[in-house]
N, C-alpha and C. Protein backbone atom coordinates (compact mmCIF):
# COMPACT_ATOMS: atom_id res chain seq x y z
N UNK A 1 87.84 279.57 136.66
CA UNK A 1 87.13 280.08 135.49
C UNK A 1 85.56 279.52 135.61
N UNK A 2 85.28 278.49 136.40
CA UNK A 2 84.07 278.14 136.48
C UNK A 2 83.08 279.17 137.41
N UNK A 3 83.78 279.69 138.41
CA UNK A 3 83.04 280.60 139.16
C UNK A 3 82.88 281.91 138.38
N UNK A 4 83.72 282.27 137.51
CA UNK A 4 83.66 283.54 136.76
C UNK A 4 82.45 283.34 135.93
N UNK A 5 82.32 282.25 135.23
CA UNK A 5 81.25 281.95 134.33
C UNK A 5 79.94 281.93 135.02
N UNK A 6 79.97 281.47 136.25
CA UNK A 6 78.68 281.28 137.16
C UNK A 6 78.31 282.62 137.54
N UNK A 7 79.42 283.61 137.89
CA UNK A 7 79.04 284.91 138.15
C UNK A 7 78.46 285.63 136.98
N UNK A 8 78.91 285.61 135.89
CA UNK A 8 78.40 286.39 134.65
C UNK A 8 76.87 285.70 134.52
N UNK A 9 76.93 284.28 134.63
CA UNK A 9 75.39 283.91 134.24
C UNK A 9 74.51 284.43 135.32
N UNK A 10 74.83 284.42 136.65
CA UNK A 10 73.83 285.07 137.54
C UNK A 10 73.66 286.44 137.29
N UNK A 11 74.87 287.18 137.06
CA UNK A 11 74.60 288.82 136.95
C UNK A 11 73.71 288.98 135.83
N UNK A 12 73.95 288.42 134.71
CA UNK A 12 73.18 288.81 133.28
C UNK A 12 72.20 287.94 133.01
N UNK A 13 71.69 287.03 133.91
CA UNK A 13 70.43 286.02 133.39
C UNK A 13 69.17 286.85 133.23
N UNK A 14 69.02 287.91 133.89
CA UNK A 14 67.86 288.87 133.70
C UNK A 14 67.74 289.31 132.20
N UNK A 15 68.99 289.50 131.59
CA UNK A 15 68.89 290.16 130.23
C UNK A 15 68.34 288.82 129.18
N UNK A 16 68.39 287.86 129.72
CA UNK A 16 67.69 286.64 128.91
C UNK A 16 66.31 286.42 129.22
N UNK A 17 65.95 286.61 130.69
CA UNK A 17 64.52 286.62 130.96
C UNK A 17 63.62 287.50 130.33
N UNK A 18 63.86 288.68 130.35
CA UNK A 18 62.97 289.51 129.94
C UNK A 18 62.55 289.68 128.39
N UNK A 19 63.56 289.21 127.58
CA UNK A 19 63.07 289.10 126.06
C UNK A 19 62.27 287.86 126.15
N UNK A 20 62.36 286.75 126.75
CA UNK A 20 61.37 285.64 126.85
C UNK A 20 60.28 285.91 127.35
N UNK A 21 60.05 286.85 128.45
CA UNK A 21 58.84 287.35 129.10
C UNK A 21 58.12 288.05 127.97
N UNK A 22 58.73 288.95 127.15
CA UNK A 22 58.26 289.89 126.28
C UNK A 22 57.43 289.03 125.09
N UNK A 23 58.30 288.09 124.53
CA UNK A 23 57.90 287.21 123.62
C UNK A 23 56.51 286.40 124.02
N UNK A 24 56.64 285.87 125.25
CA UNK A 24 55.41 285.06 125.70
C UNK A 24 54.23 286.03 125.85
N UNK A 25 54.47 287.26 126.24
CA UNK A 25 53.33 288.23 126.60
C UNK A 25 52.66 288.59 125.15
N UNK A 26 53.63 288.93 124.25
CA UNK A 26 53.11 289.26 122.84
C UNK A 26 52.30 288.18 122.30
N UNK A 27 52.80 286.92 122.52
CA UNK A 27 52.08 285.79 121.99
C UNK A 27 50.54 285.68 122.55
N UNK A 28 50.63 285.77 124.02
CA UNK A 28 49.47 285.90 124.76
C UNK A 28 48.46 287.05 124.16
N UNK A 29 48.91 288.35 124.17
CA UNK A 29 48.22 289.33 123.80
C UNK A 29 47.74 289.32 122.26
N UNK A 30 48.44 288.60 121.37
CA UNK A 30 48.07 288.55 120.10
C UNK A 30 46.93 287.74 119.88
N UNK A 31 46.97 286.35 120.78
CA UNK A 31 45.98 285.65 120.72
C UNK A 31 44.71 286.26 121.11
N UNK A 32 44.82 286.94 122.24
CA UNK A 32 43.50 287.82 122.69
C UNK A 32 43.05 288.65 121.70
N UNK A 33 44.03 289.53 120.91
CA UNK A 33 43.52 290.37 119.91
C UNK A 33 42.83 289.60 118.65
N UNK A 34 43.23 288.32 118.39
CA UNK A 34 42.67 287.77 117.18
C UNK A 34 41.26 287.47 117.41
N UNK A 35 40.85 287.26 118.67
CA UNK A 35 39.49 286.93 119.01
C UNK A 35 38.70 288.10 119.47
N UNK A 36 39.39 289.23 120.01
CA UNK A 36 38.57 290.52 120.57
C UNK A 36 38.28 291.54 119.44
N UNK A 37 39.32 291.63 118.53
CA UNK A 37 39.33 292.71 117.69
C UNK A 37 38.18 292.66 116.65
N UNK A 38 37.92 291.22 116.16
CA UNK A 38 36.52 291.12 115.29
C UNK A 38 35.25 291.44 115.88
N UNK A 39 35.24 291.11 117.20
CA UNK A 39 34.16 291.38 117.96
C UNK A 39 33.92 292.78 118.17
N UNK A 40 34.94 293.73 118.24
CA UNK A 40 34.87 295.10 118.40
C UNK A 40 34.71 295.76 116.96
N UNK A 41 34.86 295.03 115.87
CA UNK A 41 34.65 295.62 114.55
C UNK A 41 36.03 296.11 114.10
N UNK A 42 37.16 295.74 114.49
CA UNK A 42 38.42 296.12 113.95
C UNK A 42 38.90 295.18 112.97
N UNK A 43 38.22 295.24 111.74
CA UNK A 43 38.58 294.37 110.76
C UNK A 43 39.03 295.07 109.35
N UNK A 44 39.96 294.53 108.73
CA UNK A 44 40.43 295.16 107.55
C UNK A 44 39.66 294.31 106.21
N UNK A 45 38.64 295.05 105.62
CA UNK A 45 38.08 294.32 104.70
C UNK A 45 38.65 294.51 103.38
N UNK A 46 39.01 293.47 102.64
CA UNK A 46 39.87 293.63 101.31
C UNK A 46 39.05 294.37 100.25
N UNK A 47 39.62 295.28 99.71
CA UNK A 47 39.03 296.12 98.67
C UNK A 47 40.29 296.46 97.56
N UNK A 48 40.20 296.08 96.39
CA UNK A 48 41.06 296.68 95.46
C UNK A 48 42.43 296.10 95.44
N UNK A 49 43.28 296.89 95.97
CA UNK A 49 44.81 296.34 95.94
C UNK A 49 45.20 295.73 97.05
N UNK A 50 44.47 295.16 98.10
CA UNK A 50 44.88 294.44 99.29
C UNK A 50 45.51 293.25 98.98
N UNK A 51 46.56 292.71 99.69
CA UNK A 51 47.02 291.54 99.56
C UNK A 51 46.36 290.23 100.00
N UNK A 52 45.42 290.53 100.98
CA UNK A 52 44.77 289.37 101.35
C UNK A 52 43.19 289.23 100.90
N UNK A 53 42.86 288.12 100.83
CA UNK A 53 41.53 287.83 100.31
C UNK A 53 40.42 287.93 101.13
N UNK A 54 40.64 287.45 102.50
CA UNK A 54 39.63 287.40 103.45
C UNK A 54 39.65 288.50 104.48
N UNK A 55 38.56 289.00 105.12
CA UNK A 55 38.82 289.99 106.16
C UNK A 55 39.78 289.59 107.21
N UNK A 56 40.61 290.55 107.70
CA UNK A 56 41.60 290.36 108.49
C UNK A 56 41.45 291.18 109.73
N UNK A 57 41.75 290.81 110.90
CA UNK A 57 41.70 291.44 112.14
C UNK A 57 42.74 292.51 112.13
N UNK A 58 42.44 293.72 112.80
CA UNK A 58 43.50 294.73 112.79
C UNK A 58 43.93 294.98 114.34
N UNK A 59 44.95 295.43 114.58
CA UNK A 59 45.19 295.94 115.90
C UNK A 59 46.25 294.87 116.66
N UNK A 60 47.00 294.22 115.66
CA UNK A 60 47.99 293.38 116.42
C UNK A 60 49.09 294.11 117.03
N UNK A 61 49.33 295.38 116.60
CA UNK A 61 50.50 296.04 117.08
C UNK A 61 50.11 296.53 118.57
N UNK A 62 48.91 296.51 118.78
CA UNK A 62 48.57 296.71 120.34
C UNK A 62 49.11 295.65 121.23
N UNK A 63 49.06 294.50 120.73
CA UNK A 63 49.61 293.37 121.48
C UNK A 63 51.24 293.57 121.80
N UNK A 64 52.00 293.82 120.66
CA UNK A 64 53.31 294.18 120.77
C UNK A 64 53.66 295.20 121.57
N UNK A 65 52.89 296.32 121.80
CA UNK A 65 53.30 297.26 122.56
C UNK A 65 52.87 297.18 124.03
N UNK A 66 51.90 296.40 124.14
CA UNK A 66 51.54 295.94 125.52
C UNK A 66 52.54 295.13 126.10
N UNK A 67 53.05 294.08 125.42
CA UNK A 67 54.20 293.29 125.71
C UNK A 67 55.49 294.00 126.12
N UNK A 68 55.93 294.82 125.17
CA UNK A 68 56.99 295.63 125.49
C UNK A 68 56.78 296.58 126.82
N UNK A 69 55.70 297.36 126.99
CA UNK A 69 55.61 298.14 128.05
C UNK A 69 55.64 297.15 129.33
N UNK A 70 54.92 295.91 129.38
CA UNK A 70 54.96 295.19 130.57
C UNK A 70 56.39 294.62 130.82
N UNK A 71 57.13 294.06 129.66
CA UNK A 71 58.25 293.59 130.15
C UNK A 71 59.42 294.63 130.66
N UNK A 72 59.05 295.88 129.89
CA UNK A 72 60.07 296.92 130.38
C UNK A 72 59.70 297.44 131.85
N UNK A 73 58.38 297.30 132.10
CA UNK A 73 58.04 297.78 133.58
C UNK A 73 58.54 296.72 134.44
N UNK A 74 58.55 295.31 134.08
CA UNK A 74 59.14 294.24 135.08
C UNK A 74 60.57 294.70 135.22
N UNK A 75 61.28 294.87 134.03
CA UNK A 75 62.73 295.00 134.12
C UNK A 75 63.03 296.29 135.09
N UNK A 76 62.31 297.38 134.88
CA UNK A 76 62.53 298.59 135.70
C UNK A 76 62.26 298.18 137.19
N UNK A 77 61.26 297.69 137.49
CA UNK A 77 60.88 297.21 138.92
C UNK A 77 61.93 296.35 139.50
N UNK A 78 62.50 295.56 138.68
CA UNK A 78 63.51 294.54 139.32
C UNK A 78 64.86 295.39 139.43
N UNK A 79 65.10 296.36 138.51
CA UNK A 79 66.46 297.18 138.76
C UNK A 79 66.30 298.11 139.89
N UNK A 80 64.99 298.48 140.24
CA UNK A 80 64.85 299.31 141.49
C UNK A 80 65.07 298.51 142.76
N UNK A 81 64.32 297.23 142.70
CA UNK A 81 64.60 296.51 143.89
C UNK A 81 65.93 295.82 144.04
N UNK A 82 66.57 295.35 142.98
CA UNK A 82 67.91 294.62 143.07
C UNK A 82 68.91 295.60 142.90
N UNK A 83 70.09 295.26 143.33
CA UNK A 83 71.11 296.19 142.79
C UNK A 83 72.15 295.45 141.84
N UNK A 84 71.59 294.47 141.24
CA UNK A 84 72.31 293.80 140.13
C UNK A 84 72.81 294.75 138.97
N UNK A 85 72.04 295.51 138.86
CA UNK A 85 72.07 296.61 137.78
C UNK A 85 72.27 297.87 138.55
N UNK A 86 72.88 298.95 138.03
CA UNK A 86 72.83 300.28 138.72
C UNK A 86 71.25 300.81 138.80
N UNK A 87 70.91 301.07 140.01
CA UNK A 87 69.52 301.62 140.15
C UNK A 87 69.10 302.91 139.36
N UNK A 88 67.92 302.88 138.76
CA UNK A 88 67.64 304.02 138.19
C UNK A 88 66.86 304.96 139.05
N UNK A 89 67.09 306.28 138.75
CA UNK A 89 66.30 307.19 139.46
C UNK A 89 64.89 307.48 138.93
N UNK A 90 63.97 307.86 139.76
CA UNK A 90 62.73 308.17 139.33
C UNK A 90 62.58 309.08 138.01
N UNK A 91 63.48 310.01 137.83
CA UNK A 91 63.39 310.93 136.42
C UNK A 91 63.76 309.89 135.38
N UNK A 92 64.74 309.10 135.46
CA UNK A 92 65.14 308.22 134.45
C UNK A 92 64.09 307.32 134.26
N UNK A 93 63.30 306.69 135.17
CA UNK A 93 62.14 305.78 134.88
C UNK A 93 60.97 306.49 134.24
N UNK A 94 60.85 307.76 134.73
CA UNK A 94 59.77 308.53 134.10
C UNK A 94 60.15 308.97 132.61
N UNK A 95 61.40 309.17 132.30
CA UNK A 95 61.79 309.63 131.14
C UNK A 95 61.85 308.33 130.12
N UNK A 96 62.01 307.15 130.64
CA UNK A 96 61.63 305.97 129.68
C UNK A 96 60.21 305.69 129.56
N UNK A 97 59.32 305.92 130.53
CA UNK A 97 58.01 305.48 130.34
C UNK A 97 57.14 306.31 129.46
N UNK A 98 57.41 307.54 129.60
CA UNK A 98 56.60 308.49 128.74
C UNK A 98 56.77 308.35 127.42
N UNK A 99 57.94 308.17 126.72
CA UNK A 99 57.97 307.79 125.23
C UNK A 99 57.56 306.49 124.86
N UNK A 100 57.61 305.55 125.72
CA UNK A 100 57.28 304.26 125.66
C UNK A 100 55.77 304.15 125.48
């Protein structure tokens, strides 16, 4: 039973690693966006019916998209190098990357 659980943990541990990598990258990129976007002029100035009272930086979605694409790319590179998961063909990788 112990070896069965160890095999499952070893085989599917990558499925735990990539969401953690994506979350860490999203946090990092969001931190960068908080300081970079106001300098580039991407600010939402409250007028009329806005929920916030102070100017708020825009562009936080960029951080999330970058983290998703980076973590997905790492996953795809790992599946191509390792045979833990069934390897993807180049057309499948291309079919994933274009919509992403």
